[in-house]
Amino acid sequence: MASRYQMMLDPLLSPGRYDLVIAVDDAQTGEGFGEFVLPLGVEIKGRERSYAIPPMQAKLDVSFGGQMRLLGYDLKREGGELRLGLHWQALQQMERDYKVFVHLFDPATETIVAQDDAMPRQNQYPTSWWAEGEVVSDEIAISLEDVPPGRYRLALGVYDPQALDRLAAVGPDGTPVANDRVILDEEVQN
């Protein structure tokens, strides 16, 4: 009788060759029959990580909850989209998977006209996978297709999707950032 098993590996597991060990127990009594080391071994490649801070259009240095720091960003318009490149650094190993919100809003009314809420890299690189000191760059596309003509601003922040609480945003001088959201300097004209 063949059986298949699937194992979740720690995303911070160091690269290298590992032995695969199978322990066999009696299901009724719990008595162990022994452990067997499979001769094949498993090669773990590990994640490619970067600790180098890339060049960026605007530097910010805003800490979110002491968990992660927004180093800065790049912003460009391509056709009917805004492309916002965010550059983060993990301040510690995070236990939670935080989401980043980006709001395009009318500064006169605070009305949000377009937004993106996701874990970094379109939900493909959760914050619990980041290593302390790691620099993670992410690009977010905001469609302007359904946005009425006008002048807008971009705001962003980080929140816990379980509790729906924003992480406290603190500027480089230790001053709290209003509403725990960073408002970018650029005005967006549509």
C-alpha atoms as a PDB file:
ATOM      1  CA  MET A   1       0.000   0.000   0.000  1.00  0.00           C
ATOM      2  CA  ALA A   2       1.465   3.344  -1.048  1.00  0.00           C
ATOM      3  CA  SER A   3       0.962   6.523   0.961  1.00  0.00           C
ATOM      4  CA  ARG A   4       1.742  10.123   0.120  1.00  0.00           C
ATOM      5  CA  TYR A   5       2.682  12.756   2.643  1.00  0.00           C
ATOM      6  CA  GLN A   6       3.146  16.450   2.201  1.00  0.00           C
ATOM      7  CA  MET A   7       5.358  18.486   4.525  1.00  0.00           C
ATOM      8  CA  MET A   8       5.369  22.239   5.060  1.00  0.00           C
ATOM      9  CA  LEU A   9       8.929  23.493   5.444  1.00  0.00           C
ATOM     10  CA  ASP A  10       9.979  26.470   7.502  1.00  0.00           C
ATOM     11  CA  PRO A  11      10.482  29.337   5.009  1.00  0.00           C
ATOM     12  CA  LEU A  12      13.656  30.282   6.910  1.00  0.00           C
ATOM     13  CA  LEU A  13      15.173  26.788   6.599  1.00  0.00           C
ATOM     14  CA  SER A  14      18.834  27.038   5.618  1.00  0.00           C
ATOM     15  CA  PRO A  15      19.831  25.678   2.214  1.00  0.00           C
ATOM     16  CA  GLY A  16      21.553  22.299   2.238  1.00  0.00           C
ATOM     17  CA  ARG A  17      21.112  18.556   2.017  1.00  0.00           C
ATOM     18  CA  TYR A  18      18.801  16.949   4.590  1.00  0.00           C
ATOM     19  CA  ASP A  19      18.055  13.334   5.479  1.00  0.00           C
ATOM     20  CA  LEU A  20      14.468  12.194   5.375  1.00  0.00           C
ATOM     21  CA  VAL A  21      13.640  10.081   8.429  1.00  0.00           C
ATOM     22  CA  ILE A  22      10.484   7.987   8.755  1.00  0.00           C
ATOM     23  CA  ALA A  23       9.315   6.872  12.198  1.00  0.00           C
ATOM     24  CA  VAL A  24       6.924   3.908  12.293  1.00  0.00           C
ATOM     25  CA  ASP A  25       4.547   3.446  15.244  1.00  0.00           C
ATOM     26  CA  ASP A  26       1.745   0.988  15.990  1.00  0.00           C
ATOM     27  CA  ALA A  27      -1.503   2.966  15.560  1.00  0.00           C
ATOM     28  CA  GLN A  28      -3.239   1.009  18.331  1.00  0.00           C
ATOM     29  CA  THR A  29      -0.591   0.961  21.038  1.00  0.00           C
ATOM     30  CA  GLY A  30       1.640   3.845  20.032  1.00  0.00           C
ATOM     31  CA  GLU A  31       4.633   1.506  20.368  1.00  0.00           C
ATOM     32  CA  GLY A  32       7.469   2.541  18.073  1.00  0.00           C
ATOM     33  CA  PHE A  33       8.979   0.097  15.594  1.00  0.00           C
ATOM     34  CA  GLY A  34      11.940   2.319  14.834  1.00  0.00           C
ATOM     35  CA  GLU A  35      13.148   5.039  12.545  1.00  0.00           C
ATOM     36  CA  PHE A  36      14.376   4.598   9.023  1.00  0.00           C
ATOM     37  CA  VAL A  37      16.614   7.024   7.157  1.00  0.00           C
ATOM     38  CA  LEU A  38      15.751   7.058   3.469  1.00  0.00           C
ATOM     39  CA  PRO A  39      18.840   6.813   1.258  1.00  0.00           C
ATOM     40  CA  LEU A  40      17.783   9.574  -1.143  1.00  0.00           C
ATOM     41  CA  GLY A  41      18.112  12.726   1.006  1.00  0.00           C
ATOM     42  CA  VAL A  42      16.473  16.020   0.147  1.00  0.00           C
ATOM     43  CA  GLU A  43      18.197  19.088  -1.304  1.00  0.00           C
ATOM     44  CA  ILE A  44      16.761  22.389  -0.018  1.00  0.00           C
ATOM     45  CA  LYS A  45      17.709  25.352  -2.173  1.00  0.00           C
ATOM     46  CA  GLY A  46      16.340  28.048   0.110  1.00  0.00           C
ATOM     47  CA  ARG A  47      14.949  31.419  -0.846  1.00  0.00           C
ATOM     48  CA  GLU A  48      16.991  34.009  -2.625  1.00  0.00           C
ATOM     49  CA  ARG A  49      17.168  36.954  -0.263  1.00  0.00           C
ATOM     50  CA  SER A  50      18.554  40.433  -0.653  1.00  0.00           C
ATOM     51  CA  TYR A  51      19.949  42.582   2.122  1.00  0.00           C
ATOM     52  CA  ALA A  52      21.166  45.361  -0.184  1.00  0.00           C
ATOM     53  CA  ILE A  53      19.172  48.576  -0.298  1.00  0.00           C
ATOM     54  CA  PRO A  54      18.354  49.367  -3.947  1.00  0.00           C
ATOM     55  CA  PRO A  55      18.372  52.838  -5.486  1.00  0.00           C
ATOM     56  CA  MET A  56      14.954  54.502  -5.231  1.00  0.00           C
ATOM     57  CA  GLN A  57      13.210  57.637  -6.398  1.00  0.00           C
ATOM     58  CA  ALA A  58      12.155  58.809  -2.908  1.00  0.00           C
ATOM     59  CA  LYS A  59      13.494  57.770   0.510  1.00  0.00           C
ATOM     60  CA  LEU A  60      11.165  57.631   3.525  1.00  0.00           C
ATOM     61  CA  ASP A  61      12.451  55.501   6.440  1.00  0.00           C
ATOM     62  CA  VAL A  62       9.061  54.919   8.123  1.00  0.00           C
ATOM     63  CA  SER A  63       8.711  52.088  10.652  1.00  0.00           C
ATOM     64  CA  PHE A  64       5.458  50.121  10.932  1.00  0.00           C
ATOM     65  CA  GLY A  65       4.830  48.571  14.344  1.00  0.00           C
ATOM     66  CA  GLY A  66       8.553  47.960  14.840  1.00  0.00           C
ATOM     67  CA  GLN A  67       8.098  45.033  12.423  1.00  0.00           C
ATOM     68  CA  MET A  68       9.051  46.474   9.054  1.00  0.00           C
ATOM     69  CA  ARG A  69      10.428  49.693   7.609  1.00  0.00           C
ATOM     70  CA  LEU A  70       9.386  51.406   4.403  1.00  0.00           C
ATOM     71  CA  LEU A  71      12.727  52.529   3.023  1.00  0.00           C
ATOM     72  CA  GLY A  72      11.226  54.398   0.079  1.00  0.00           C
ATOM     73  CA  TYR A  73       9.459  54.094  -3.230  1.00  0.00           C
ATOM     74  CA  ASP A  74       9.429  54.602  -6.988  1.00  0.00           C
ATOM     75  CA  LEU A  75       6.359  55.968  -8.775  1.00  0.00           C
ATOM     76  CA  LYS A  76       5.646  56.085 -12.496  1.00  0.00           C
ATOM     77  CA  ARG A  77       2.637  56.213 -14.756  1.00  0.00           C
ATOM     78  CA  GLU A  78       2.340  53.722 -17.609  1.00  0.00           C
ATOM     79  CA  GLY A  79      -0.699  54.249 -19.787  1.00  0.00           C
ATOM     80  CA  GLY A  80      -3.783  53.850 -17.630  1.00  0.00           C
ATOM     81  CA  GLU A  81      -1.874  52.587 -14.564  1.00  0.00           C
ATOM     82  CA  LEU A  82       0.177  53.916 -11.717  1.00  0.00           C
ATOM     83  CA  ARG A  83       3.113  51.665 -10.834  1.00  0.00           C
ATOM     84  CA  LEU A  84       4.252  52.055  -7.251  1.00  0.00           C
ATOM     85  CA  GLY A  85       7.466  50.288  -6.305  1.00  0.00           C
ATOM     86  CA  LEU A  86       7.807  49.902  -2.523  1.00  0.00           C
ATOM     87  CA  HIS A  87      11.088  48.996  -0.816  1.00  0.00           C
ATOM     88  CA  TRP A  88      10.743  47.375   2.625  1.00  0.00           C
ATOM     89  CA  GLN A  89      13.157  46.062   5.233  1.00  0.00           C
ATOM     90  CA  ALA A  90      12.243  43.502   7.898  1.00  0.00           C
ATOM     91  CA  LEU A  91      13.165  44.855  11.328  1.00  0.00           C
ATOM     92  CA  GLN A  92      12.707  41.400  12.856  1.00  0.00           C
ATOM     93  CA  GLN A  93      11.349  37.946  12.064  1.00  0.00           C
ATOM     94  CA  MET A  94       7.572  38.495  11.832  1.00  0.00           C
ATOM     95  CA  GLU A  95       5.051  35.997  13.132  1.00  0.00           C
ATOM     96  CA  ARG A  96       2.103  37.479  11.251  1.00  0.00           C
ATOM     97  CA  ASP A  97       1.362  37.981   7.586  1.00  0.00           C
ATOM     98  CA  TYR A  98       0.641  41.679   7.233  1.00  0.00           C
ATOM     99  CA  LYS A  99      -1.083  43.331   4.298  1.00  0.00           C
ATOM    100  CA  VAL A 100      -0.180  46.610   2.654  1.00  0.00           C
ATOM    101  CA  PHE A 101      -2.926  48.999   1.600  1.00  0.00           C
ATOM    102  CA  VAL A 102      -2.455  51.626  -1.083  1.00  0.00           C
ATOM    103  CA  HIS A 103      -5.241  54.180  -1.526  1.00  0.00           C
ATOM    104  CA  LEU A 104      -5.594  56.701  -4.331  1.00  0.00           C
ATOM    105  CA  PHE A 105      -7.805  59.337  -2.744  1.00  0.00           C
ATOM    106  CA  ASP A 106      -9.262  62.791  -3.205  1.00  0.00           C
ATOM    107  CA  PRO A 107      -7.462  64.974  -0.636  1.00  0.00           C
ATOM    108  CA  ALA A 108     -10.415  67.391  -0.369  1.00  0.00           C
ATOM    109  CA  THR A 109     -12.999  64.712   0.561  1.00  0.00           C
ATOM    110  CA  GLU A 110     -10.804  61.728   1.617  1.00  0.00           C
ATOM    111  CA  THR A 111     -12.821  59.628  -0.871  1.00  0.00           C
ATOM    112  CA  ILE A 112     -10.864  56.591  -2.051  1.00  0.00           C
ATOM    113  CA  VAL A 113     -11.145  56.254  -5.836  1.00  0.00           C
ATOM    114  CA  ALA A 114      -8.816  53.252  -6.369  1.00  0.00           C
ATOM    115  CA  GLN A 115      -6.962  50.900  -4.053  1.00  0.00           C
ATOM    116  CA  ASP A 116      -4.902  47.770  -3.589  1.00  0.00           C
ATOM    117  CA  ASP A 117      -4.812  45.623  -0.444  1.00  0.00           C
ATOM    118  CA  ALA A 118      -2.518  42.599  -0.502  1.00  0.00           C
ATOM    119  CA  MET A 119       0.425  40.860   1.039  1.00  0.00           C
ATOM    120  CA  PRO A 120       3.668  41.792  -0.714  1.00  0.00           C
ATOM    121  CA  ARG A 121       4.325  40.581  -4.241  1.00  0.00           C
ATOM    122  CA  GLN A 122       0.635  40.031  -4.972  1.00  0.00           C
ATOM    123  CA  ASN A 123       0.163  37.738  -1.953  1.00  0.00           C
ATOM    124  CA  GLN A 124       3.124  35.568  -3.013  1.00  0.00           C
ATOM    125  CA  TYR A 125       5.654  36.625  -0.337  1.00  0.00           C
ATOM    126  CA  PRO A 126       3.991  36.824   3.114  1.00  0.00           C
ATOM    127  CA  THR A 127       5.801  38.879   5.742  1.00  0.00           C
ATOM    128  CA  SER A 128       6.221  35.821   8.002  1.00  0.00           C
ATOM    129  CA  TRP A 129       8.670  34.495   5.392  1.00  0.00           C
ATOM    130  CA  TRP A 130      10.952  37.542   5.605  1.00  0.00           C
ATOM    131  CA  ALA A 131      14.261  37.210   7.438  1.00  0.00           C
ATOM    132  CA  GLU A 132      15.442  39.935   9.802  1.00  0.00           C
ATOM    133  CA  GLY A 133      17.248  42.629   7.826  1.00  0.00           C
ATOM    134  CA  GLU A 134      15.972  41.352   4.473  1.00  0.00           C
ATOM    135  CA  VAL A 135      15.075  43.994   1.886  1.00  0.00           C
ATOM    136  CA  VAL A 136      11.932  43.212  -0.112  1.00  0.00           C
ATOM    137  CA  SER A 137      10.890  45.233  -3.148  1.00  0.00           C
ATOM    138  CA  ASP A 138       7.313  45.069  -4.351  1.00  0.00           C
ATOM    139  CA  GLU A 139       5.501  46.659  -7.300  1.00  0.00           C
ATOM    140  CA  ILE A 140       1.833  47.560  -7.054  1.00  0.00           C
ATOM    141  CA  ALA A 141      -0.259  48.517 -10.088  1.00  0.00           C
ATOM    142  CA  ILE A 142      -3.221  50.836  -9.566  1.00  0.00           C
ATOM    143  CA  SER A 143      -5.616  51.109 -12.504  1.00  0.00           C
ATOM    144  CA  LEU A 144      -6.784  54.638 -13.352  1.00  0.00           C
ATOM    145  CA  GLU A 145      -9.379  53.401 -15.839  1.00  0.00           C
ATOM    146  CA  ASP A 146     -12.445  54.045 -13.662  1.00  0.00           C
ATOM    147  CA  VAL A 147     -11.004  57.052 -11.819  1.00  0.00           C
ATOM    148  CA  PRO A 148     -12.854  60.312 -12.582  1.00  0.00           C
ATOM    149  CA  PRO A 149     -10.802  63.292 -13.774  1.00  0.00           C
ATOM    150  CA  GLY A 150      -9.228  65.165 -10.886  1.00  0.00           C
ATOM    151  CA  ARG A 151      -6.224  65.588  -8.615  1.00  0.00           C
ATOM    152  CA  TYR A 152      -5.438  62.802  -6.197  1.00  0.00           C
ATOM    153  CA  ARG A 153      -2.861  61.652  -3.656  1.00  0.00           C
ATOM    154  CA  LEU A 154      -1.543  58.211  -2.716  1.00  0.00           C
ATOM    155  CA  ALA A 155      -1.541  56.915   0.860  1.00  0.00           C
ATOM    156  CA  LEU A 156      -0.275  53.598   2.169  1.00  0.00           C
ATOM    157  CA  GLY A 157       0.038  51.650   5.372  1.00  0.00           C
ATOM    158  CA  VAL A 158       0.326  48.181   6.854  1.00  0.00           C
ATOM    159  CA  TYR A 159      -2.333  46.250   8.741  1.00  0.00           C
ATOM    160  CA  ASP A 160      -3.041  42.915  10.381  1.00  0.00           C
ATOM    161  CA  PRO A 161      -5.792  41.279   8.261  1.00  0.00           C
ATOM    162  CA  GLN A 162      -6.926  39.142  11.221  1.00  0.00           C
ATOM    163  CA  ALA A 163      -7.548  42.013  13.654  1.00  0.00           C
ATOM    164  CA  LEU A 164      -7.942  44.712  10.953  1.00  0.00           C
ATOM    165  CA  ASP A 165      -5.655  46.980  13.013  1.00  0.00           C
ATOM    166  CA  ARG A 166      -3.130  49.224  11.306  1.00  0.00           C
ATOM    167  CA  LEU A 167       0.453  48.965  12.482  1.00  0.00           C
ATOM    168  CA  ALA A 168       1.644  52.171  14.122  1.00  0.00           C
ATOM    169  CA  ALA A 169       3.613  54.234  11.604  1.00  0.00           C
ATOM    170  CA  VAL A 170       6.566  56.191  12.980  1.00  0.00           C
ATOM    171  CA  GLY A 171       8.755  58.599  11.018  1.00  0.00           C
ATOM    172  CA  PRO A 172      12.564  58.578  11.048  1.00  0.00           C
ATOM    173  CA  ASP A 173      12.653  61.145  13.874  1.00  0.00           C
ATOM    174  CA  GLY A 174      10.350  59.026  16.084  1.00  0.00           C
ATOM    175  CA  THR A 175       7.240  61.126  15.403  1.00  0.00           C
ATOM    176  CA  PRO A 176       4.006  59.139  14.920  1.00  0.00           C
ATOM    177  CA  VAL A 177       2.552  59.406  11.403  1.00  0.00           C
ATOM    178  CA  ALA A 178      -1.069  60.632  11.357  1.00  0.00           C
ATOM    179  CA  ASN A 179      -3.660  57.865  10.903  1.00  0.00           C
ATOM    180  CA  ASP A 180      -0.799  55.341  10.588  1.00  0.00           C
ATOM    181  CA  ARG A 181      -0.640  55.996   6.853  1.00  0.00           C
ATOM    182  CA  VAL A 182       2.051  57.587   4.749  1.00  0.00           C
ATOM    183  CA  ILE A 183       0.862  60.129   2.184  1.00  0.00           C
ATOM    184  CA  LEU A 184       3.259  60.367  -0.743  1.00  0.00           C
ATOM    185  CA  ASP A 185       4.430  63.794  -1.900  1.00  0.00           C
ATOM    186  CA  GLU A 186       3.391  63.375  -5.531  1.00  0.00           C
ATOM    187  CA  GLU A 187       0.023  64.576  -6.771  1.00  0.00           C
ATOM    188  CA  VAL A 188      -1.682  62.326  -9.316  1.00  0.00           C
ATOM    189  CA  GLN A 189      -3.569  64.087 -12.097  1.00  0.00           C
ATOM    190  CA  ASN A 190      -6.131  62.036 -14.001  1.00  0.00           C
END
